[in-house]
């Protein structure tokens, strides 16, 4: 595994992160907090989920074994999908950018085939073996949620990220 592979994976992940943020650009606080689909999640809730359940969980806790991140995850009673109402949209976007930056630092300094440093006890019966598998999982998760946001944004105000003619 070469540095080129990790840089390629990181480039794809960063493109998907940008897709998420670009899709929400220009929405006001009311639109960001309004549930649009029957499941009830909000755009801000989805970004908060990506920050905590993907970036922080998979990279800081699972990949790097960062004790503080693990303890925060295990002790948290918060629902990542439902951020506290007092958290501003700017704070949630900043958290996503911060966690993404911390993830990037881990990825830049770790080989794709590096073993994982922690595995949660609540995942029974399956396991990823290395950082590459985790990165591919987070790319998939981020891309999937970016697509969700594309559809929700179109329902909110008709804006399409990619206009099909």
C-alpha atoms as a PDB file:
ATOM      1  CA  UNK A   1       0.000   0.000   0.000  1.00  0.00           C
ATOM      2  CA  UNK A   2       1.385   3.327  -0.978  1.00  0.00           C
ATOM      3  CA  UNK A   3       0.872   6.920   0.089  1.00  0.00           C
ATOM      4  CA  UNK A   4      -0.820   7.359  -3.283  1.00  0.00           C
ATOM      5  CA  UNK A   5      -3.626   5.001  -2.281  1.00  0.00           C
ATOM      6  CA  UNK A   6      -4.307   6.840   0.967  1.00  0.00           C
ATOM      7  CA  UNK A   7      -4.177  10.198  -0.787  1.00  0.00           C
ATOM      8  CA  UNK A   8      -6.688   8.892  -3.354  1.00  0.00           C
ATOM      9  CA  UNK A   9      -9.021   7.621  -0.635  1.00  0.00           C
ATOM     10  CA  UNK A  10      -8.705  10.893   1.264  1.00  0.00           C
ATOM     11  CA  UNK A  11      -9.397  12.853  -1.930  1.00  0.00           C
ATOM     12  CA  UNK A  12     -12.620  10.907  -2.543  1.00  0.00           C
ATOM     13  CA  UNK A  13     -13.694  11.342   1.092  1.00  0.00           C
ATOM     14  CA  UNK A  14     -13.027  15.080   0.974  1.00  0.00           C
ATOM     15  CA  UNK A  15     -15.066  15.359  -2.224  1.00  0.00           C
ATOM     16  CA  UNK A  16     -18.034  13.700  -0.486  1.00  0.00           C
ATOM     17  CA  UNK A  17     -17.645  15.916   2.592  1.00  0.00           C
ATOM     18  CA  UNK A  18     -17.675  18.976   0.323  1.00  0.00           C
ATOM     19  CA  UNK A  19     -20.792  17.623  -1.412  1.00  0.00           C
ATOM     20  CA  UNK A  20     -22.571  17.484   1.968  1.00  0.00           C
ATOM     21  CA  UNK A  21     -21.656  21.054   2.892  1.00  0.00           C
ATOM     22  CA  UNK A  22     -22.225  22.509  -0.584  1.00  0.00           C
ATOM     23  CA  UNK A  23     -25.695  20.990  -0.754  1.00  0.00           C
ATOM     24  CA  UNK A  24     -26.731  22.851   2.391  1.00  0.00           C
ATOM     25  CA  UNK A  25     -25.138  26.179   1.515  1.00  0.00           C
ATOM     26  CA  UNK A  26     -27.608  29.049   1.604  1.00  0.00           C
ATOM     27  CA  UNK A  27     -30.298  27.340   3.688  1.00  0.00           C
ATOM     28  CA  UNK A  28     -31.560  29.313   6.656  1.00  0.00           C
ATOM     29  CA  UNK A  29     -31.762  27.949  10.185  1.00  0.00           C
ATOM     30  CA  UNK A  30     -35.453  27.055   9.889  1.00  0.00           C
ATOM     31  CA  UNK A  31     -34.855  24.972   6.755  1.00  0.00           C
ATOM     32  CA  UNK A  32     -31.800  23.258   8.266  1.00  0.00           C
ATOM     33  CA  UNK A  33     -33.828  22.225  11.335  1.00  0.00           C
ATOM     34  CA  UNK A  34     -37.060  21.256   9.561  1.00  0.00           C
ATOM     35  CA  UNK A  35     -37.760  17.538   9.162  1.00  0.00           C
ATOM     36  CA  UNK A  36     -38.719  16.943   5.532  1.00  0.00           C
ATOM     37  CA  UNK A  37     -39.041  13.167   5.343  1.00  0.00           C
ATOM     38  CA  UNK A  38     -41.357  10.977   7.446  1.00  0.00           C
ATOM     39  CA  UNK A  39     -38.387   9.565   9.374  1.00  0.00           C
ATOM     40  CA  UNK A  40     -37.998  12.992  10.972  1.00  0.00           C
ATOM     41  CA  UNK A  41     -34.279  13.666  10.572  1.00  0.00           C
ATOM     42  CA  UNK A  42     -33.103  17.180   9.763  1.00  0.00           C
ATOM     43  CA  UNK A  43     -30.259  18.462   7.628  1.00  0.00           C
ATOM     44  CA  UNK A  44     -28.411  19.655  10.745  1.00  0.00           C
ATOM     45  CA  UNK A  45     -29.050  16.324  12.432  1.00  0.00           C
ATOM     46  CA  UNK A  46     -27.497  14.510   9.499  1.00  0.00           C
ATOM     47  CA  UNK A  47     -24.367  16.709   9.558  1.00  0.00           C
ATOM     48  CA  UNK A  48     -24.122  16.228  13.341  1.00  0.00           C
ATOM     49  CA  UNK A  49     -24.426  12.462  12.800  1.00  0.00           C
ATOM     50  CA  UNK A  50     -21.634  12.527  10.204  1.00  0.00           C
ATOM     51  CA  UNK A  51     -19.392  14.489  12.586  1.00  0.00           C
ATOM     52  CA  UNK A  52     -19.909  12.203  15.571  1.00  0.00           C
ATOM     53  CA  UNK A  53     -20.954   8.784  14.275  1.00  0.00           C
ATOM     54  CA  UNK A  54     -18.676   8.720  11.265  1.00  0.00           C
ATOM     55  CA  UNK A  55     -15.682  11.035  11.597  1.00  0.00           C
ATOM     56  CA  UNK A  56     -15.184  10.882  15.364  1.00  0.00           C
ATOM     57  CA  UNK A  57     -16.325   7.299  15.894  1.00  0.00           C
ATOM     58  CA  UNK A  58     -14.644   5.552  12.960  1.00  0.00           C
ATOM     59  CA  UNK A  59     -11.411   7.535  12.735  1.00  0.00           C
ATOM     60  CA  UNK A  60     -10.603   8.905  16.181  1.00  0.00           C
ATOM     61  CA  UNK A  61     -12.032   6.010  18.197  1.00  0.00           C
ATOM     62  CA  UNK A  62     -11.870   2.882  16.028  1.00  0.00           C
ATOM     63  CA  UNK A  63      -8.894   3.626  13.762  1.00  0.00           C
ATOM     64  CA  UNK A  64      -6.711   5.641  16.146  1.00  0.00           C
ATOM     65  CA  UNK A  65      -7.898   4.231  19.483  1.00  0.00           C
ATOM     66  CA  UNK A  66      -8.045   7.734  20.913  1.00  0.00           C
ATOM     67  CA  UNK A  67      -9.055   7.186  24.536  1.00  0.00           C
ATOM     68  CA  UNK A  68     -10.907  10.521  24.929  1.00  0.00           C
ATOM     69  CA  UNK A  69     -13.036   9.895  21.835  1.00  0.00           C
ATOM     70  CA  UNK A  70     -13.830   6.347  22.960  1.00  0.00           C
ATOM     71  CA  UNK A  71     -14.865   7.509  26.436  1.00  0.00           C
ATOM     72  CA  UNK A  72     -17.037  10.306  24.994  1.00  0.00           C
ATOM     73  CA  UNK A  73     -18.758   7.820  22.686  1.00  0.00           C
ATOM     74  CA  UNK A  74     -19.339   5.220  25.391  1.00  0.00           C
ATOM     75  CA  UNK A  75     -20.612   7.735  27.955  1.00  0.00           C
ATOM     76  CA  UNK A  76     -22.766   9.868  25.654  1.00  0.00           C
ATOM     77  CA  UNK A  77     -26.504   9.678  25.981  1.00  0.00           C
ATOM     78  CA  UNK A  78     -26.990  12.217  23.190  1.00  0.00           C
ATOM     79  CA  UNK A  79     -28.594  11.262  19.915  1.00  0.00           C
ATOM     80  CA  UNK A  80     -26.204  12.399  17.202  1.00  0.00           C
ATOM     81  CA  UNK A  81     -29.162  12.714  14.836  1.00  0.00           C
ATOM     82  CA  UNK A  82     -30.842  15.214  17.161  1.00  0.00           C
ATOM     83  CA  UNK A  83     -28.408  17.978  18.139  1.00  0.00           C
ATOM     84  CA  UNK A  84     -29.326  20.222  21.051  1.00  0.00           C
ATOM     85  CA  UNK A  85     -31.491  23.147  19.925  1.00  0.00           C
ATOM     86  CA  UNK A  86     -29.061  25.627  21.455  1.00  0.00           C
ATOM     87  CA  UNK A  87     -26.322  24.448  19.067  1.00  0.00           C
ATOM     88  CA  UNK A  88     -26.239  26.826  16.134  1.00  0.00           C
ATOM     89  CA  UNK A  89     -25.950  25.684  12.547  1.00  0.00           C
ATOM     90  CA  UNK A  90     -22.515  27.327  12.429  1.00  0.00           C
ATOM     91  CA  UNK A  91     -21.416  25.301  15.464  1.00  0.00           C
ATOM     92  CA  UNK A  92     -22.583  22.044  13.884  1.00  0.00           C
ATOM     93  CA  UNK A  93     -20.885  22.809  10.562  1.00  0.00           C
ATOM     94  CA  UNK A  94     -17.730  23.811  12.472  1.00  0.00           C
ATOM     95  CA  UNK A  95     -17.856  20.527  14.424  1.00  0.00           C
ATOM     96  CA  UNK A  96     -18.083  18.571  11.164  1.00  0.00           C
ATOM     97  CA  UNK A  97     -15.129  20.483   9.707  1.00  0.00           C
ATOM     98  CA  UNK A  98     -13.124  20.029  12.941  1.00  0.00           C
ATOM     99  CA  UNK A  99     -13.778  16.289  13.129  1.00  0.00           C
ATOM    100  CA  UNK A 100     -12.987  15.947   9.415  1.00  0.00           C
ATOM    101  CA  UNK A 101      -9.669  17.742   9.967  1.00  0.00           C
ATOM    102  CA  UNK A 102      -8.814  15.482  12.902  1.00  0.00           C
ATOM    103  CA  UNK A 103      -9.692  12.478  10.733  1.00  0.00           C
ATOM    104  CA  UNK A 104      -7.481  13.769   7.924  1.00  0.00           C
ATOM    105  CA  UNK A 105      -4.523  13.980  10.312  1.00  0.00           C
ATOM    106  CA  UNK A 106      -5.063  10.352  11.315  1.00  0.00           C
ATOM    107  CA  UNK A 107      -5.411   9.227   7.709  1.00  0.00           C
ATOM    108  CA  UNK A 108      -2.388  11.156   6.485  1.00  0.00           C
ATOM    109  CA  UNK A 109      -0.164   9.480   9.059  1.00  0.00           C
ATOM    110  CA  UNK A 110      -1.452   5.920   8.846  1.00  0.00           C
ATOM    111  CA  UNK A 111      -1.032   3.188   6.256  1.00  0.00           C
ATOM    112  CA  UNK A 112      -4.279   1.895   4.730  1.00  0.00           C
ATOM    113  CA  UNK A 113      -3.534  -1.653   5.873  1.00  0.00           C
ATOM    114  CA  UNK A 114      -2.891  -0.570   9.475  1.00  0.00           C
ATOM    115  CA  UNK A 115      -4.817  -2.588  12.044  1.00  0.00           C
ATOM    116  CA  UNK A 116      -7.569  -0.872  13.984  1.00  0.00           C
ATOM    117  CA  UNK A 117      -6.714   0.269  17.497  1.00  0.00           C
ATOM    118  CA  UNK A 118     -10.152  -0.290  19.107  1.00  0.00           C
ATOM    119  CA  UNK A 119     -13.279  -2.239  18.276  1.00  0.00           C
ATOM    120  CA  UNK A 120     -16.588  -1.559  20.050  1.00  0.00           C
ATOM    121  CA  UNK A 121     -17.992  -4.417  22.099  1.00  0.00           C
ATOM    122  CA  UNK A 122     -21.515  -3.616  20.861  1.00  0.00           C
ATOM    123  CA  UNK A 123     -20.683  -4.794  17.312  1.00  0.00           C
ATOM    124  CA  UNK A 124     -21.247  -8.500  17.678  1.00  0.00           C
ATOM    125  CA  UNK A 125     -20.334 -10.911  14.905  1.00  0.00           C
ATOM    126  CA  UNK A 126     -18.565  -8.655  12.428  1.00  0.00           C
ATOM    127  CA  UNK A 127     -15.459  -6.537  12.246  1.00  0.00           C
ATOM    128  CA  UNK A 128     -13.376  -4.446   9.897  1.00  0.00           C
ATOM    129  CA  UNK A 129      -9.742  -5.503   9.795  1.00  0.00           C
ATOM    130  CA  UNK A 130      -7.865  -2.376   8.729  1.00  0.00           C
ATOM    131  CA  UNK A 131      -8.000   1.344   8.083  1.00  0.00           C
ATOM    132  CA  UNK A 132      -8.736   0.881   4.374  1.00  0.00           C
ATOM    133  CA  UNK A 133     -12.016  -0.878   5.197  1.00  0.00           C
ATOM    134  CA  UNK A 134     -12.979   1.888   7.614  1.00  0.00           C
ATOM    135  CA  UNK A 135     -12.190   4.628   5.085  1.00  0.00           C
ATOM    136  CA  UNK A 136     -14.268   2.867   2.435  1.00  0.00           C
ATOM    137  CA  UNK A 137     -17.124   2.534   4.924  1.00  0.00           C
ATOM    138  CA  UNK A 138     -17.026   6.262   5.773  1.00  0.00           C
ATOM    139  CA  UNK A 139     -16.819   7.212   2.074  1.00  0.00           C
ATOM    140  CA  UNK A 140     -19.906   5.078   1.415  1.00  0.00           C
ATOM    141  CA  UNK A 141     -21.770   6.495   4.399  1.00  0.00           C
ATOM    142  CA  UNK A 142     -20.899  10.098   3.513  1.00  0.00           C
ATOM    143  CA  UNK A 143     -21.801   9.642  -0.159  1.00  0.00           C
ATOM    144  CA  UNK A 144     -25.109   8.012   0.773  1.00  0.00           C
ATOM    145  CA  UNK A 145     -26.011  10.866   3.094  1.00  0.00           C
ATOM    146  CA  UNK A 146     -24.924  13.429   0.501  1.00  0.00           C
ATOM    147  CA  UNK A 147     -27.501  11.877  -1.819  1.00  0.00           C
ATOM    148  CA  UNK A 148     -30.127  12.079   0.911  1.00  0.00           C
ATOM    149  CA  UNK A 149     -29.332  15.765   1.302  1.00  0.00           C
ATOM    150  CA  UNK A 150     -29.610  16.330  -2.460  1.00  0.00           C
ATOM    151  CA  UNK A 151     -33.176  14.992  -2.419  1.00  0.00           C
ATOM    152  CA  UNK A 152     -34.133  16.884   0.747  1.00  0.00           C
ATOM    153  CA  UNK A 153     -32.682  20.139  -0.570  1.00  0.00           C
ATOM    154  CA  UNK A 154     -34.779  19.809  -3.715  1.00  0.00           C
ATOM    155  CA  UNK A 155     -37.876  19.248  -1.572  1.00  0.00           C
ATOM    156  CA  UNK A 156     -37.071  22.278   0.606  1.00  0.00           C
ATOM    157  CA  UNK A 157     -36.530  24.901  -2.065  1.00  0.00           C
ATOM    158  CA  UNK A 158     -36.231  23.216  -5.448  1.00  0.00           C
ATOM    159  CA  UNK A 159     -32.470  23.722  -5.679  1.00  0.00           C
ATOM    160  CA  UNK A 160     -30.606  20.951  -7.460  1.00  0.00           C
ATOM    161  CA  UNK A 161     -26.891  20.450  -7.057  1.00  0.00           C
ATOM    162  CA  UNK A 162     -26.656  18.784 -10.449  1.00  0.00           C
ATOM    163  CA  UNK A 163     -29.156  19.991 -12.978  1.00  0.00           C
ATOM    164  CA  UNK A 164     -30.148  17.266 -15.409  1.00  0.00           C
ATOM    165  CA  UNK A 165     -31.306  18.544 -18.772  1.00  0.00           C
END
